[in-house]
């Protein structure tokens, strides 16, 4: 979840998994997977950074990075091929 500010100044939390896309038209509009739209004060670049930070915190709290998650998945499925340097 990330905090955003509606154009009227009220704060709201949005589940990052429900964001379909973000655009500047000229206000920033967040479109959710259900098609609903929310106009917010934050710039699309700020929102992208918030989402990236949120995902990084989730994976770091689990003690792994995305690459480690993928490695674990492939190891379980017997599909891991070691990198050649």
C-alpha atoms as a PDB file:
ATOM      1  CA  UNK A   1       0.000   0.000   0.000  1.00  0.00           C
ATOM      2  CA  UNK A   2       1.187   3.513  -0.781  1.00  0.00           C
ATOM      3  CA  UNK A   3      -0.115   6.873   0.401  1.00  0.00           C
ATOM      4  CA  UNK A   4      -1.270   9.315  -2.284  1.00  0.00           C
ATOM      5  CA  UNK A   5      -2.966  12.716  -2.124  1.00  0.00           C
ATOM      6  CA  UNK A   6      -6.142  13.443  -4.053  1.00  0.00           C
ATOM      7  CA  UNK A   7      -6.239  16.818  -5.821  1.00  0.00           C
ATOM      8  CA  UNK A   8      -8.619  18.068  -3.089  1.00  0.00           C
ATOM      9  CA  UNK A   9      -5.910  17.365  -0.477  1.00  0.00           C
ATOM     10  CA  UNK A  10      -7.331  14.232   1.131  1.00  0.00           C
ATOM     11  CA  UNK A  11      -4.947  11.318   1.663  1.00  0.00           C
ATOM     12  CA  UNK A  12      -5.691   7.773   0.570  1.00  0.00           C
ATOM     13  CA  UNK A  13      -3.876   4.452   0.537  1.00  0.00           C
ATOM     14  CA  UNK A  14      -3.817   2.461  -2.674  1.00  0.00           C
ATOM     15  CA  UNK A  15      -2.909  -1.195  -3.058  1.00  0.00           C
ATOM     16  CA  UNK A  16      -0.028  -1.150  -5.568  1.00  0.00           C
ATOM     17  CA  UNK A  17      -1.148  -4.504  -6.978  1.00  0.00           C
ATOM     18  CA  UNK A  18      -4.377  -2.891  -8.175  1.00  0.00           C
ATOM     19  CA  UNK A  19      -2.717  -0.114 -10.202  1.00  0.00           C
ATOM     20  CA  UNK A  20      -3.058  -0.702 -13.943  1.00  0.00           C
ATOM     21  CA  UNK A  21      -1.286   2.463 -15.081  1.00  0.00           C
ATOM     22  CA  UNK A  22      -0.461   6.058 -14.158  1.00  0.00           C
ATOM     23  CA  UNK A  23      -0.614   8.970 -16.577  1.00  0.00           C
ATOM     24  CA  UNK A  24      -0.251  12.756 -16.592  1.00  0.00           C
ATOM     25  CA  UNK A  25      -3.152  14.376 -18.495  1.00  0.00           C
ATOM     26  CA  UNK A  26      -2.179  17.144 -17.181  1.00  0.00           C
ATOM     27  CA  UNK A  27      -3.179  16.053 -13.649  1.00  0.00           C
ATOM     28  CA  UNK A  28      -1.815  12.686 -12.590  1.00  0.00           C
ATOM     29  CA  UNK A  29      -4.471  10.011 -13.007  1.00  0.00           C
ATOM     30  CA  UNK A  30      -4.082   6.557 -11.470  1.00  0.00           C
ATOM     31  CA  UNK A  31      -6.176   3.917 -13.231  1.00  0.00           C
ATOM     32  CA  UNK A  32      -6.937   0.770 -11.269  1.00  0.00           C
ATOM     33  CA  UNK A  33      -7.481  -2.697 -12.721  1.00  0.00           C
ATOM     34  CA  UNK A  34     -11.260  -2.330 -12.266  1.00  0.00           C
ATOM     35  CA  UNK A  35     -11.195   0.770 -14.507  1.00  0.00           C
ATOM     36  CA  UNK A  36     -11.758   3.331 -11.747  1.00  0.00           C
ATOM     37  CA  UNK A  37      -9.644   6.480 -11.973  1.00  0.00           C
ATOM     38  CA  UNK A  38      -8.204   8.619  -9.185  1.00  0.00           C
ATOM     39  CA  UNK A  39      -6.718  12.093  -9.736  1.00  0.00           C
ATOM     40  CA  UNK A  40      -3.765  12.716  -7.441  1.00  0.00           C
ATOM     41  CA  UNK A  41      -1.209  15.455  -6.746  1.00  0.00           C
ATOM     42  CA  UNK A  42       1.898  13.264  -6.993  1.00  0.00           C
ATOM     43  CA  UNK A  43       3.739  13.084 -10.324  1.00  0.00           C
ATOM     44  CA  UNK A  44       3.844   9.737 -12.166  1.00  0.00           C
ATOM     45  CA  UNK A  45       7.597   9.529 -11.501  1.00  0.00           C
ATOM     46  CA  UNK A  46       6.996   9.921  -7.746  1.00  0.00           C
ATOM     47  CA  UNK A  47       4.382   7.174  -7.811  1.00  0.00           C
ATOM     48  CA  UNK A  48       6.702   4.868  -9.742  1.00  0.00           C
ATOM     49  CA  UNK A  49       9.396   5.468  -7.112  1.00  0.00           C
ATOM     50  CA  UNK A  50       6.915   4.748  -4.302  1.00  0.00           C
ATOM     51  CA  UNK A  51       5.892   1.477  -5.956  1.00  0.00           C
ATOM     52  CA  UNK A  52       9.514   0.447  -6.509  1.00  0.00           C
ATOM     53  CA  UNK A  53      10.340   1.249  -2.889  1.00  0.00           C
ATOM     54  CA  UNK A  54       7.301  -0.678  -1.656  1.00  0.00           C
ATOM     55  CA  UNK A  55       8.263  -3.820  -3.596  1.00  0.00           C
ATOM     56  CA  UNK A  56      11.891  -3.513  -2.456  1.00  0.00           C
ATOM     57  CA  UNK A  57      10.750  -3.348   1.179  1.00  0.00           C
ATOM     58  CA  UNK A  58       8.539  -6.405   0.731  1.00  0.00           C
ATOM     59  CA  UNK A  59      11.336  -8.496  -0.730  1.00  0.00           C
ATOM     60  CA  UNK A  60      13.952  -7.184   1.691  1.00  0.00           C
ATOM     61  CA  UNK A  61      11.693  -8.004   4.659  1.00  0.00           C
ATOM     62  CA  UNK A  62      11.658 -11.581   3.436  1.00  0.00           C
ATOM     63  CA  UNK A  63      15.475 -11.526   3.381  1.00  0.00           C
ATOM     64  CA  UNK A  64      15.720 -11.911  -0.368  1.00  0.00           C
ATOM     65  CA  UNK A  65      15.943  -9.904  -3.532  1.00  0.00           C
ATOM     66  CA  UNK A  66      13.875 -10.529  -6.665  1.00  0.00           C
ATOM     67  CA  UNK A  67      16.762 -12.404  -8.267  1.00  0.00           C
ATOM     68  CA  UNK A  68      16.876 -14.691  -5.223  1.00  0.00           C
ATOM     69  CA  UNK A  69      13.125 -15.331  -5.499  1.00  0.00           C
ATOM     70  CA  UNK A  70      13.482 -16.371  -9.111  1.00  0.00           C
ATOM     71  CA  UNK A  71      16.506 -18.537  -8.296  1.00  0.00           C
ATOM     72  CA  UNK A  72      14.561 -20.282  -5.531  1.00  0.00           C
ATOM     73  CA  UNK A  73      11.640 -20.930  -7.897  1.00  0.00           C
ATOM     74  CA  UNK A  74      13.877 -22.395 -10.589  1.00  0.00           C
ATOM     75  CA  UNK A  75      15.807 -24.510  -8.082  1.00  0.00           C
ATOM     76  CA  UNK A  76      12.551 -26.043  -6.795  1.00  0.00           C
ATOM     77  CA  UNK A  77      11.478 -26.854 -10.339  1.00  0.00           C
ATOM     78  CA  UNK A  78      14.896 -28.243 -11.291  1.00  0.00           C
ATOM     79  CA  UNK A  79      15.328 -25.635 -14.012  1.00  0.00           C
ATOM     80  CA  UNK A  80      18.307 -23.721 -12.656  1.00  0.00           C
ATOM     81  CA  UNK A  81      21.196 -23.368 -15.060  1.00  0.00           C
ATOM     82  CA  UNK A  82      24.347 -21.943 -13.496  1.00  0.00           C
ATOM     83  CA  UNK A  83      25.741 -18.785 -15.077  1.00  0.00           C
ATOM     84  CA  UNK A  84      28.891 -19.120 -17.159  1.00  0.00           C
ATOM     85  CA  UNK A  85      31.408 -16.337 -16.665  1.00  0.00           C
END
